C-alpha atoms as a PDB file:
ATOM      1  CA  UNK A   1     229.782 -17.880  52.302  1.00  0.00           C
ATOM      2  CA  UNK A   2     228.900 -16.028  49.120  1.00  0.00           C
ATOM      3  CA  UNK A   3     227.705 -17.032  45.718  1.00  0.00           C
ATOM      4  CA  UNK A   4     229.606 -16.205  42.567  1.00  0.00           C
ATOM      5  CA  UNK A   5     227.690 -16.020  39.294  1.00  0.00           C
ATOM      6  CA  UNK A   6     229.611 -17.203  36.271  1.00  0.00           C
ATOM      7  CA  UNK A   7     228.016 -16.553  32.921  1.00  0.00           C
ATOM      8  CA  UNK A   8     228.679 -16.567  29.220  1.00  0.00           C
ATOM      9  CA  UNK A   9     226.711 -14.481  26.745  1.00  0.00           C
ATOM     10  CA  UNK A  10     226.177 -16.523  23.602  1.00  0.00           C
ATOM     11  CA  UNK A  11     224.645 -15.781  20.220  1.00  0.00           C
ATOM     12  CA  UNK A  12     223.589 -18.115  17.434  1.00  0.00           C
ATOM     13  CA  UNK A  13     225.063 -17.636  14.011  1.00  0.00           C
ATOM     14  CA  UNK A  14     225.332 -20.133  11.146  1.00  0.00           C
ATOM     15  CA  UNK A  15     223.488 -22.775  13.180  1.00  0.00           C
ATOM     16  CA  UNK A  16     225.921 -22.765  16.129  1.00  0.00           C
ATOM     17  CA  UNK A  17     226.244 -20.851  19.379  1.00  0.00           C
ATOM     18  CA  UNK A  18     229.316 -18.665  19.843  1.00  0.00           C
ATOM     19  CA  UNK A  19     230.587 -17.095  23.047  1.00  0.00           C
ATOM     20  CA  UNK A  20     230.469 -13.314  23.017  1.00  0.00           C
ATOM     21  CA  UNK A  21     231.869 -12.848  26.484  1.00  0.00           C
ATOM     22  CA  UNK A  22     232.525 -14.586  29.770  1.00  0.00           C
ATOM     23  CA  UNK A  23     231.304 -12.793  32.891  1.00  0.00           C
ATOM     24  CA  UNK A  24     231.838 -12.940  36.633  1.00  0.00           C
ATOM     25  CA  UNK A  25     228.715 -11.189  37.844  1.00  0.00           C
ATOM     26  CA  UNK A  26     228.379  -9.671  41.317  1.00  0.00           C
ATOM     27  CA  UNK A  27     226.214 -11.075  44.074  1.00  0.00           C
ATOM     28  CA  UNK A  28     223.108  -9.154  43.022  1.00  0.00           C
ATOM     29  CA  UNK A  29     220.363 -10.855  45.045  1.00  0.00           C
ATOM     30  CA  UNK A  30     217.513  -9.460  42.948  1.00  0.00           C
ATOM     31  CA  UNK A  31     219.154 -10.665  39.751  1.00  0.00           C
ATOM     32  CA  UNK A  32     219.973 -14.090  41.240  1.00  0.00           C
ATOM     33  CA  UNK A  33     216.429 -14.594  42.494  1.00  0.00           C
ATOM     34  CA  UNK A  34     215.015 -13.603  39.106  1.00  0.00           C
ATOM     35  CA  UNK A  35     217.216 -15.949  37.056  1.00  0.00           C
ATOM     36  CA  UNK A  36     218.089 -18.881  39.332  1.00  0.00           C
ATOM     37  CA  UNK A  37     216.579 -18.957  42.808  1.00  0.00           C
ATOM     38  CA  UNK A  38     213.024 -17.748  42.433  1.00  0.00           C
ATOM     39  CA  UNK A  39     211.089 -16.164  45.273  1.00  0.00           C
ATOM     40  CA  UNK A  40     212.558 -17.413  48.542  1.00  0.00           C
ATOM     41  CA  UNK A  41     214.404 -20.234  46.795  1.00  0.00           C
ATOM     42  CA  UNK A  42     211.277 -21.673  45.145  1.00  0.00           C
ATOM     43  CA  UNK A  43     211.571 -21.892  41.376  1.00  0.00           C
ATOM     44  CA  UNK A  44     208.113 -23.411  40.748  1.00  0.00           C
ATOM     45  CA  UNK A  45     206.500 -20.054  39.991  1.00  0.00           C
ATOM     46  CA  UNK A  46     209.274 -18.729  37.753  1.00  0.00           C
ATOM     47  CA  UNK A  47     208.319 -18.310  34.075  1.00  0.00           C
ATOM     48  CA  UNK A  48     211.666 -19.850  33.062  1.00  0.00           C
ATOM     49  CA  UNK A  49     213.314 -21.778  35.924  1.00  0.00           C
ATOM     50  CA  UNK A  50     216.911 -23.073  35.659  1.00  0.00           C
ATOM     51  CA  UNK A  51     217.049 -25.904  33.154  1.00  0.00           C
ATOM     52  CA  UNK A  52     220.628 -27.042  32.982  1.00  0.00           C
ATOM     53  CA  UNK A  53     223.244 -26.225  30.397  1.00  0.00           C
ATOM     54  CA  UNK A  54     222.058 -26.267  26.764  1.00  0.00           C
ATOM     55  CA  UNK A  55     223.284 -29.177  24.686  1.00  0.00           C
ATOM     56  CA  UNK A  56     224.234 -26.804  21.873  1.00  0.00           C
ATOM     57  CA  UNK A  57     226.344 -24.538  24.082  1.00  0.00           C
ATOM     58  CA  UNK A  58     229.463 -22.781  22.848  1.00  0.00           C
ATOM     59  CA  UNK A  59     232.869 -24.353  23.276  1.00  0.00           C
ATOM     60  CA  UNK A  60     233.649 -21.687  25.921  1.00  0.00           C
ATOM     61  CA  UNK A  61     230.741 -22.861  28.112  1.00  0.00           C
ATOM     62  CA  UNK A  62     231.742 -26.483  27.596  1.00  0.00           C
ATOM     63  CA  UNK A  63     235.338 -25.751  28.663  1.00  0.00           C
ATOM     64  CA  UNK A  64     234.328 -23.694  31.704  1.00  0.00           C
ATOM     65  CA  UNK A  65     231.482 -25.856  33.017  1.00  0.00           C
ATOM     66  CA  UNK A  66     232.310 -29.504  32.300  1.00  0.00           C
ATOM     67  CA  UNK A  67     235.108 -31.770  33.525  1.00  0.00           C
ATOM     68  CA  UNK A  68     236.145 -35.333  32.891  1.00  0.00           C
ATOM     69  CA  UNK A  69     235.018 -38.342  34.941  1.00  0.00           C
ATOM     70  CA  UNK A  70     238.351 -38.665  36.781  1.00  0.00           C
ATOM     71  CA  UNK A  71     237.928 -35.233  38.387  1.00  0.00           C
ATOM     72  CA  UNK A  72     234.408 -36.125  39.501  1.00  0.00           C
ATOM     73  CA  UNK A  73     235.520 -39.518  40.845  1.00  0.00           C
ATOM     74  CA  UNK A  74     238.188 -37.754  42.911  1.00  0.00           C
ATOM     75  CA  UNK A  75     235.584 -35.317  44.247  1.00  0.00           C
ATOM     76  CA  UNK A  76     233.204 -38.187  45.091  1.00  0.00           C
ATOM     77  CA  UNK A  77     235.987 -40.038  46.942  1.00  0.00           C
ATOM     78  CA  UNK A  78     236.914 -36.962  48.983  1.00  0.00           C
ATOM     79  CA  UNK A  79     233.301 -35.967  49.681  1.00  0.00           C
ATOM     80  CA  UNK A  80     232.333 -39.515  50.616  1.00  0.00           C
ATOM     81  CA  UNK A  81     235.428 -40.291  52.692  1.00  0.00           C
ATOM     82  CA  UNK A  82     233.508 -39.854  55.945  1.00  0.00           C
ATOM     83  CA  UNK A  83     230.706 -42.215  54.982  1.00  0.00           C
ATOM     84  CA  UNK A  84     230.419 -45.869  54.131  1.00  0.00           C
ATOM     85  CA  UNK A  85     228.384 -45.306  50.984  1.00  0.00           C
ATOM     86  CA  UNK A  86     230.040 -42.841  48.633  1.00  0.00           C
ATOM     87  CA  UNK A  87     227.999 -41.795  45.616  1.00  0.00           C
ATOM     88  CA  UNK A  88     228.746 -43.432  42.278  1.00  0.00           C
ATOM     89  CA  UNK A  89     229.494 -41.601  39.068  1.00  0.00           C
ATOM     90  CA  UNK A  90     226.072 -42.647  37.757  1.00  0.00           C
ATOM     91  CA  UNK A  91     224.335 -41.249  40.853  1.00  0.00           C
ATOM     92  CA  UNK A  92     226.284 -38.012  40.487  1.00  0.00           C
ATOM     93  CA  UNK A  93     225.265 -37.438  36.885  1.00  0.00           C
ATOM     94  CA  UNK A  94     221.672 -38.599  37.477  1.00  0.00           C
ATOM     95  CA  UNK A  95     221.279 -36.076  40.289  1.00  0.00           C
ATOM     96  CA  UNK A  96     221.910 -33.277  37.782  1.00  0.00           C
ATOM     97  CA  UNK A  97     219.072 -34.293  35.453  1.00  0.00           C
ATOM     98  CA  UNK A  98     218.395 -35.366  31.892  1.00  0.00           C
ATOM     99  CA  UNK A  99     220.547 -32.652  30.348  1.00  0.00           C
ATOM    100  CA  UNK A 100     223.619 -33.910  32.246  1.00  0.00           C
ATOM    101  CA  UNK A 101     222.897 -37.546  31.414  1.00  0.00           C
ATOM    102  CA  UNK A 102     222.630 -36.632  27.734  1.00  0.00           C
ATOM    103  CA  UNK A 103     225.929 -34.719  27.831  1.00  0.00           C
ATOM    104  CA  UNK A 104     227.703 -37.551  29.647  1.00  0.00           C
ATOM    105  CA  UNK A 105     226.470 -40.182  27.187  1.00  0.00           C
ATOM    106  CA  UNK A 106     227.401 -38.037  24.170  1.00  0.00           C
ATOM    107  CA  UNK A 107     230.738 -36.551  25.250  1.00  0.00           C
ATOM    108  CA  UNK A 108     231.802 -38.287  28.467  1.00  0.00           C
ATOM    109  CA  UNK A 109     231.841 -34.916  30.264  1.00  0.00           C
ATOM    110  CA  UNK A 110     230.219 -34.113  33.618  1.00  0.00           C
ATOM    111  CA  UNK A 111     229.203 -30.917  35.417  1.00  0.00           C
ATOM    112  CA  UNK A 112     231.927 -29.591  37.682  1.00  0.00           C
ATOM    113  CA  UNK A 113     231.366 -30.406  41.359  1.00  0.00           C
ATOM    114  CA  UNK A 114     230.108 -27.694  43.700  1.00  0.00           C
ATOM    115  CA  UNK A 115     228.279 -25.727  41.013  1.00  0.00           C
ATOM    116  CA  UNK A 116     224.572 -25.077  41.315  1.00  0.00           C
ATOM    117  CA  UNK A 117     221.779 -22.975  39.834  1.00  0.00           C
ATOM    118  CA  UNK A 118     222.857 -23.724  36.269  1.00  0.00           C
ATOM    119  CA  UNK A 119     220.667 -22.654  33.451  1.00  0.00           C
ATOM    120  CA  UNK A 120     220.231 -20.398  30.493  1.00  0.00           C
ATOM    121  CA  UNK A 121     217.816 -17.735  29.384  1.00  0.00           C
ATOM    122  CA  UNK A 122     217.526 -16.038  26.033  1.00  0.00           C
ATOM    123  CA  UNK A 123     217.102 -12.270  26.182  1.00  0.00           C
ATOM    124  CA  UNK A 124     213.302 -12.419  26.005  1.00  0.00           C
ATOM    125  CA  UNK A 125     213.143 -14.990  28.817  1.00  0.00           C
ATOM    126  CA  UNK A 126     215.615 -13.051  30.957  1.00  0.00           C
ATOM    127  CA  UNK A 127     213.496  -9.914  30.683  1.00  0.00           C
ATOM    128  CA  UNK A 128     210.333 -11.941  31.451  1.00  0.00           C
ATOM    129  CA  UNK A 129     211.958 -13.395  34.584  1.00  0.00           C
ATOM    130  CA  UNK A 130     213.014  -9.922  35.747  1.00  0.00           C
ATOM    131  CA  UNK A 131     209.498  -8.566  35.148  1.00  0.00           C
ATOM    132  CA  UNK A 132     207.945 -11.536  36.958  1.00  0.00           C
ATOM    133  CA  UNK A 133     210.215 -10.894  39.952  1.00  0.00           C
ATOM    134  CA  UNK A 134     209.256  -7.187  39.748  1.00  0.00           C
ATOM    135  CA  UNK A 135     212.875  -6.166  39.286  1.00  0.00           C
ATOM    136  CA  UNK A 136     213.376  -3.000  37.287  1.00  0.00           C
ATOM    137  CA  UNK A 137     216.611  -2.714  35.333  1.00  0.00           C
ATOM    138  CA  UNK A 138     217.645   0.381  37.304  1.00  0.00           C
ATOM    139  CA  UNK A 139     217.633  -1.741  40.489  1.00  0.00           C
ATOM    140  CA  UNK A 140     220.394  -3.997  39.155  1.00  0.00           C
ATOM    141  CA  UNK A 141     224.130  -3.564  39.638  1.00  0.00           C
ATOM    142  CA  UNK A 142     226.067  -1.935  36.783  1.00  0.00           C
ATOM    143  CA  UNK A 143     227.672  -5.255  35.664  1.00  0.00           C
ATOM    144  CA  UNK A 144     224.234  -6.910  35.397  1.00  0.00           C
ATOM    145  CA  UNK A 145     222.954  -3.901  33.445  1.00  0.00           C
ATOM    146  CA  UNK A 146     225.989  -4.095  31.158  1.00  0.00           C
ATOM    147  CA  UNK A 147     225.325  -7.800  30.510  1.00  0.00           C
ATOM    148  CA  UNK A 148     221.735  -7.032  29.533  1.00  0.00           C
ATOM    149  CA  UNK A 149     222.852  -4.118  27.348  1.00  0.00           C
ATOM    150  CA  UNK A 150     225.330  -6.386  25.551  1.00  0.00           C
ATOM    151  CA  UNK A 151     222.583  -8.960  25.003  1.00  0.00           C
ATOM    152  CA  UNK A 152     220.243  -6.262  23.654  1.00  0.00           C
ATOM    153  CA  UNK A 153     222.935  -5.040  21.281  1.00  0.00           C
ATOM    154  CA  UNK A 154     223.538  -8.553  19.963  1.00  0.00           C
ATOM    155  CA  UNK A 155     219.769  -9.131  19.669  1.00  0.00           C
ATOM    156  CA  UNK A 156     219.566  -6.166  17.294  1.00  0.00           C
ATOM    157  CA  UNK A 157     221.622  -8.250  14.839  1.00  0.00           C
ATOM    158  CA  UNK A 158     220.700 -11.840  15.728  1.00  0.00           C
ATOM    159  CA  UNK A 159     217.203 -11.567  17.384  1.00  0.00           C
ATOM    160  CA  UNK A 160     216.260 -11.874  21.050  1.00  0.00           C
ATOM    161  CA  UNK A 161     215.678 -15.630  20.875  1.00  0.00           C
ATOM    162  CA  UNK A 162     219.202 -16.242  19.492  1.00  0.00           C
ATOM    163  CA  UNK A 163     221.053 -14.384  22.245  1.00  0.00           C
ATOM    164  CA  UNK A 164     221.285 -16.041  25.645  1.00  0.00           C
ATOM    165  CA  UNK A 165     222.910 -15.928  29.029  1.00  0.00           C
ATOM    166  CA  UNK A 166     224.261 -19.323  30.135  1.00  0.00           C
ATOM    167  CA  UNK A 167     224.997 -19.239  33.864  1.00  0.00           C
ATOM    168  CA  UNK A 168     225.967 -21.270  36.901  1.00  0.00           C
ATOM    169  CA  UNK A 169     226.542 -20.456  40.525  1.00  0.00           C
ATOM    170  CA  UNK A 170     229.634 -21.419  42.467  1.00  0.00           C
ATOM    171  CA  UNK A 171     229.734 -21.701  46.221  1.00  0.00           C
END
């Protein structure tokens, strides 16, 4: 089984985040460990570990990442069909963390089932995570390099802290 990395490059302009581009990134283990998994799957030592989806995300991220409660209920019913105690909707959203609880209470939307490793990094943080993991840019796959180059180009106009990569992993 592989891991697919879905990402959206966003930039902030006029007080809102806008999607620049949606990406399907390759299974670049060095990149994945630097942004989402940490060393050996331990994120404790990462400078910027995964922290959920930002509440001020672009509409493109919201459309691609979140679903309505009915879809999650259906998933819970199917996943729990072999057990007596299926998870509740509240347990599902609580397991994702504060960011998901906030989104659910504000919009009624929930993270899609079977996604993991969700987070976001602005350009500065992304480069710090790569440096911490001792990953040089030239070690990355061309699509990962292109994503960073696009972020650097946007940062020239909007600043490194206003350009970010919002990502999630699908199994």
